Amino acid sequence: MALRPLHDRVLVKRLDTAEAVVGSIIIPDSAKEKPQQGEVVAAGSGKLLETGKRVELDVKTGDKILFGKYSGSEVKIDGAEYLILREDEILAVIG
């Protein structure tokens, strides 16, 4: 894939969370919450300030992150689902 996010945006692939089965209730995929963890697949070059200086991103490709439930824009590329976030929508880096 040759996709590079612009400026302070990052391309994230959601991480599947382990699902514990209790009892015999089956919850359909449409009723499940989407995971709020992901892995950075690609990152932009950084935020451009009014002075013309570019500030690098705090995250890099391969970082595992936490983000808000309704953050970003969902996109589908080559059959896979991704999320494009601004750096300020990222809540934390895991590990």
N, C-alpha and C. Protein backbone atom coordinates (compact mmCIF):
# COMPACT_ATOMS: atom_id res chain seq x y z
N MET A 1 0.84 -1.16 0.00
CA MET A 1 0.00 0.00 0.00
C MET A 1 0.89 1.23 0.00
N ALA A 2 0.61 2.16 -0.87
CA ALA A 2 1.39 3.39 -0.96
C ALA A 2 0.50 4.55 -0.54
N LEU A 3 0.27 4.66 0.76
CA LEU A 3 -0.57 5.72 1.29
C LEU A 3 0.19 6.44 2.38
N ARG A 4 0.26 7.76 2.28
CA ARG A 4 0.96 8.57 3.28
C ARG A 4 0.01 9.65 3.76
N PRO A 5 -0.37 9.62 5.03
CA PRO A 5 -1.23 10.67 5.56
C PRO A 5 -0.54 12.03 5.51
N LEU A 6 -1.31 13.09 5.40
CA LEU A 6 -0.75 14.42 5.33
C LEU A 6 -0.67 15.08 6.71
N HIS A 7 0.30 15.93 6.88
CA HIS A 7 0.51 16.78 8.06
C HIS A 7 0.47 15.98 9.37
N ASP A 8 -0.49 16.29 10.26
CA ASP A 8 -0.51 15.67 11.59
C ASP A 8 -1.50 14.51 11.67
N ARG A 9 -1.73 13.83 10.57
CA ARG A 9 -2.67 12.70 10.57
C ARG A 9 -1.91 11.38 10.57
N VAL A 10 -2.58 10.34 11.12
CA VAL A 10 -2.00 9.00 11.16
C VAL A 10 -3.04 8.01 10.65
N LEU A 11 -2.56 6.96 10.01
CA LEU A 11 -3.40 5.87 9.52
C LEU A 11 -3.28 4.73 10.53
N VAL A 12 -4.43 4.27 11.04
CA VAL A 12 -4.45 3.30 12.13
C VAL A 12 -5.27 2.09 11.72
N LYS A 13 -4.77 0.91 12.08
CA LYS A 13 -5.53 -0.34 11.91
C LYS A 13 -6.00 -0.75 13.30
N ARG A 14 -7.31 -0.93 13.45
CA ARG A 14 -7.87 -1.32 14.74
C ARG A 14 -7.34 -2.70 15.15
N LEU A 15 -7.07 -2.87 16.44
CA LEU A 15 -6.65 -4.16 16.98
C LEU A 15 -7.86 -4.87 17.53
N ASP A 16 -8.01 -6.14 17.20
CA ASP A 16 -9.11 -6.94 17.72
C ASP A 16 -8.83 -7.27 19.18
N THR A 17 -9.84 -7.09 20.03
CA THR A 17 -9.69 -7.43 21.43
C THR A 17 -10.15 -8.86 21.64
N ALA A 18 -9.51 -9.55 22.57
CA ALA A 18 -9.90 -10.92 22.89
C ALA A 18 -11.30 -10.92 23.48
N GLU A 19 -12.10 -11.85 23.05
CA GLU A 19 -13.49 -11.89 23.48
C GLU A 19 -13.72 -13.07 24.41
N ALA A 20 -14.21 -12.78 25.60
CA ALA A 20 -14.50 -13.84 26.57
C ALA A 20 -15.94 -14.29 26.36
N VAL A 21 -16.16 -15.59 26.31
CA VAL A 21 -17.49 -16.14 26.12
C VAL A 21 -18.01 -16.57 27.48
N VAL A 22 -19.13 -15.99 27.87
CA VAL A 22 -19.77 -16.34 29.14
C VAL A 22 -21.18 -16.77 28.83
N GLY A 23 -21.53 -17.98 29.26
CA GLY A 23 -22.87 -18.47 28.98
C GLY A 23 -23.03 -18.83 27.52
N SER A 24 -24.26 -18.76 27.05
CA SER A 24 -24.52 -19.13 25.65
C SER A 24 -25.14 -18.00 24.85
N ILE A 25 -24.94 -16.77 25.30
CA ILE A 25 -25.48 -15.63 24.56
C ILE A 25 -24.49 -15.23 23.47
N ILE A 26 -24.99 -15.12 22.27
CA ILE A 26 -24.16 -14.73 21.13
C ILE A 26 -24.57 -13.32 20.72
N ILE A 27 -23.60 -12.41 20.72
CA ILE A 27 -23.86 -11.03 20.36
C ILE A 27 -23.44 -10.83 18.91
N PRO A 28 -24.36 -10.35 18.06
CA PRO A 28 -23.99 -10.14 16.66
C PRO A 28 -22.94 -9.04 16.52
N ASP A 29 -22.16 -9.11 15.43
CA ASP A 29 -21.10 -8.14 15.19
C ASP A 29 -21.62 -6.70 15.14
N SER A 30 -22.84 -6.52 14.64
CA SER A 30 -23.38 -5.17 14.53
C SER A 30 -23.66 -4.54 15.89
N ALA A 31 -23.82 -5.34 16.93
CA ALA A 31 -24.11 -4.82 18.28
C ALA A 31 -22.86 -4.66 19.13
N LYS A 32 -21.74 -5.16 18.66
CA LYS A 32 -20.49 -5.07 19.42
C LYS A 32 -19.86 -3.70 19.27
N GLU A 33 -19.18 -3.26 20.32
CA GLU A 33 -18.44 -2.01 20.24
C GLU A 33 -17.14 -2.24 19.48
N LYS A 34 -16.76 -1.25 18.72
CA LYS A 34 -15.49 -1.35 18.00
C LYS A 34 -14.35 -1.09 18.97
N PRO A 35 -13.23 -1.76 18.77
CA PRO A 35 -12.09 -1.56 19.68
C PRO A 35 -11.55 -0.13 19.59
N GLN A 36 -11.03 0.35 20.72
CA GLN A 36 -10.47 1.69 20.79
C GLN A 36 -8.95 1.63 20.83
N GLN A 37 -8.39 0.49 20.45
CA GLN A 37 -6.95 0.33 20.37
C GLN A 37 -6.59 0.08 18.92
N GLY A 38 -5.40 0.54 18.55
CA GLY A 38 -4.97 0.33 17.18
C GLY A 38 -3.46 0.42 17.06
N GLU A 39 -3.00 0.09 15.86
CA GLU A 39 -1.58 0.17 15.56
C GLU A 39 -1.39 1.17 14.43
N VAL A 40 -0.43 2.05 14.59
CA VAL A 40 -0.14 3.07 13.58
C VAL A 40 0.51 2.39 12.38
N VAL A 41 -0.14 2.51 11.22
CA VAL A 41 0.36 1.90 9.98
C VAL A 41 1.23 2.91 9.23
N ALA A 42 0.82 4.18 9.24
CA ALA A 42 1.58 5.23 8.57
C ALA A 42 1.32 6.54 9.29
N ALA A 43 2.30 7.44 9.25
CA ALA A 43 2.17 8.74 9.92
C ALA A 43 2.58 9.85 8.97
N GLY A 44 1.96 11.00 9.13
CA GLY A 44 2.28 12.17 8.32
C GLY A 44 3.62 12.78 8.72
N SER A 45 3.98 13.86 8.07
CA SER A 45 5.28 14.48 8.31
C SER A 45 5.29 15.43 9.50
N GLY A 46 4.14 15.77 10.05
CA GLY A 46 4.08 16.65 11.21
C GLY A 46 3.22 17.86 10.97
N LYS A 47 2.90 18.54 12.08
CA LYS A 47 2.03 19.71 12.01
C LYS A 47 2.84 20.93 11.58
N LEU A 48 2.29 21.70 10.67
CA LEU A 48 2.94 22.91 10.17
C LEU A 48 2.41 24.11 10.96
N LEU A 49 3.29 24.82 11.64
CA LEU A 49 2.91 25.98 12.44
C LEU A 49 2.80 27.21 11.55
N GLU A 50 2.20 28.27 12.09
CA GLU A 50 2.05 29.52 11.33
C GLU A 50 3.40 30.15 10.98
N THR A 51 4.42 29.85 11.76
CA THR A 51 5.76 30.40 11.51
C THR A 51 6.47 29.68 10.36
N GLY A 52 5.88 28.58 9.89
CA GLY A 52 6.50 27.80 8.83
C GLY A 52 7.31 26.63 9.34
N LYS A 53 7.47 26.54 10.65
CA LYS A 53 8.21 25.44 11.25
C LYS A 53 7.32 24.20 11.35
N ARG A 54 7.89 23.04 11.12
CA ARG A 54 7.15 21.78 11.19
C ARG A 54 7.48 21.06 12.49
N VAL A 55 6.46 20.68 13.24
CA VAL A 55 6.62 19.95 14.50
C VAL A 55 6.36 18.47 14.23
N GLU A 56 7.35 17.62 14.51
CA GLU A 56 7.20 16.19 14.25
C GLU A 56 6.16 15.56 15.16
N LEU A 57 5.60 14.44 14.71
CA LEU A 57 4.60 13.72 15.50
C LEU A 57 5.25 12.96 16.64
N ASP A 58 4.48 12.76 17.73
CA ASP A 58 4.96 11.98 18.87
C ASP A 58 4.84 10.48 18.62
N VAL A 59 4.01 10.08 17.65
CA VAL A 59 3.83 8.66 17.34
C VAL A 59 4.55 8.33 16.06
N LYS A 60 4.87 7.05 15.91
CA LYS A 60 5.55 6.59 14.70
C LYS A 60 4.93 5.26 14.27
N THR A 61 5.25 4.82 13.10
CA THR A 61 4.73 3.56 12.57
C THR A 61 5.09 2.42 13.51
N GLY A 62 4.08 1.59 13.81
CA GLY A 62 4.28 0.44 14.69
C GLY A 62 3.83 0.68 16.12
N ASP A 63 3.61 1.94 16.52
CA ASP A 63 3.15 2.23 17.87
C ASP A 63 1.72 1.72 18.06
N LYS A 64 1.45 1.21 19.26
CA LYS A 64 0.09 0.81 19.62
C LYS A 64 -0.50 1.96 20.42
N ILE A 65 -1.72 2.37 20.05
CA ILE A 65 -2.31 3.58 20.62
C ILE A 65 -3.74 3.33 21.13
N LEU A 66 -4.21 4.25 21.96
CA LEU A 66 -5.61 4.33 22.38
C LEU A 66 -6.20 5.59 21.78
N PHE A 67 -7.46 5.51 21.33
CA PHE A 67 -8.12 6.68 20.76
C PHE A 67 -9.58 6.67 21.20
N GLY A 68 -10.23 7.81 21.04
CA GLY A 68 -11.62 7.95 21.44
C GLY A 68 -12.57 7.10 20.61
N LYS A 69 -13.72 6.80 21.20
CA LYS A 69 -14.71 5.93 20.57
C LYS A 69 -15.20 6.47 19.23
N TYR A 70 -15.37 7.79 19.13
CA TYR A 70 -15.93 8.38 17.91
C TYR A 70 -14.90 9.21 17.15
N SER A 71 -13.64 8.92 17.34
CA SER A 71 -12.56 9.69 16.71
C SER A 71 -12.30 9.23 15.29
N GLY A 72 -11.80 10.15 14.48
CA GLY A 72 -11.29 9.80 13.16
C GLY A 72 -12.35 9.54 12.10
N SER A 73 -11.86 9.17 10.93
CA SER A 73 -12.69 8.84 9.78
C SER A 73 -12.34 7.43 9.32
N GLU A 74 -13.36 6.61 9.15
CA GLU A 74 -13.12 5.24 8.70
C GLU A 74 -12.97 5.22 7.19
N VAL A 75 -11.97 4.47 6.72
CA VAL A 75 -11.74 4.29 5.28
C VAL A 75 -11.49 2.82 5.00
N LYS A 76 -11.78 2.42 3.78
CA LYS A 76 -11.52 1.04 3.36
C LYS A 76 -10.54 1.08 2.21
N ILE A 77 -9.39 0.41 2.39
CA ILE A 77 -8.33 0.41 1.39
C ILE A 77 -7.94 -1.02 1.10
N ASP A 78 -8.01 -1.43 -0.15
CA ASP A 78 -7.67 -2.79 -0.57
C ASP A 78 -8.41 -3.84 0.26
N GLY A 79 -9.67 -3.57 0.60
CA GLY A 79 -10.48 -4.53 1.34
C GLY A 79 -10.28 -4.53 2.84
N ALA A 80 -9.34 -3.75 3.34
CA ALA A 80 -9.08 -3.68 4.79
C ALA A 80 -9.60 -2.34 5.33
N GLU A 81 -10.12 -2.37 6.57
CA GLU A 81 -10.65 -1.16 7.18
C GLU A 81 -9.59 -0.47 8.02
N TYR A 82 -9.47 0.84 7.84
CA TYR A 82 -8.51 1.66 8.57
C TYR A 82 -9.23 2.86 9.13
N LEU A 83 -8.51 3.59 9.97
CA LEU A 83 -9.02 4.81 10.58
C LEU A 83 -7.97 5.90 10.38
N ILE A 84 -8.39 7.07 9.94
CA ILE A 84 -7.46 8.20 9.81
C ILE A 84 -7.78 9.16 10.95
N LEU A 85 -6.76 9.42 11.79
CA LEU A 85 -6.91 10.28 12.96
C LEU A 85 -5.96 11.45 12.89
N ARG A 86 -6.33 12.56 13.54
CA ARG A 86 -5.38 13.64 13.77
C ARG A 86 -4.60 13.24 15.01
N GLU A 87 -3.39 13.74 15.14
CA GLU A 87 -2.56 13.36 16.30
C GLU A 87 -3.23 13.76 17.61
N ASP A 88 -3.95 14.88 17.63
CA ASP A 88 -4.58 15.32 18.87
C ASP A 88 -5.78 14.48 19.28
N GLU A 89 -6.23 13.55 18.42
CA GLU A 89 -7.32 12.62 18.76
C GLU A 89 -6.77 11.36 19.45
N ILE A 90 -5.46 11.19 19.44
CA ILE A 90 -4.83 10.03 20.09
C ILE A 90 -4.73 10.32 21.58
N LEU A 91 -5.24 9.39 22.39
CA LEU A 91 -5.26 9.58 23.84
C LEU A 91 -3.97 9.13 24.52
N ALA A 92 -3.38 8.02 24.05
CA ALA A 92 -2.18 7.50 24.70
C ALA A 92 -1.48 6.51 23.79
N VAL A 93 -0.19 6.30 24.06
CA VAL A 93 0.60 5.28 23.39
C VAL A 93 0.77 4.15 24.39
N ILE A 94 0.51 2.91 23.97
CA ILE A 94 0.59 1.75 24.85
C ILE A 94 2.01 1.20 24.80
N GLY A 95 2.58 0.98 25.97
CA GLY A 95 3.90 0.35 26.08
C GLY A 95 4.96 1.21 25.57
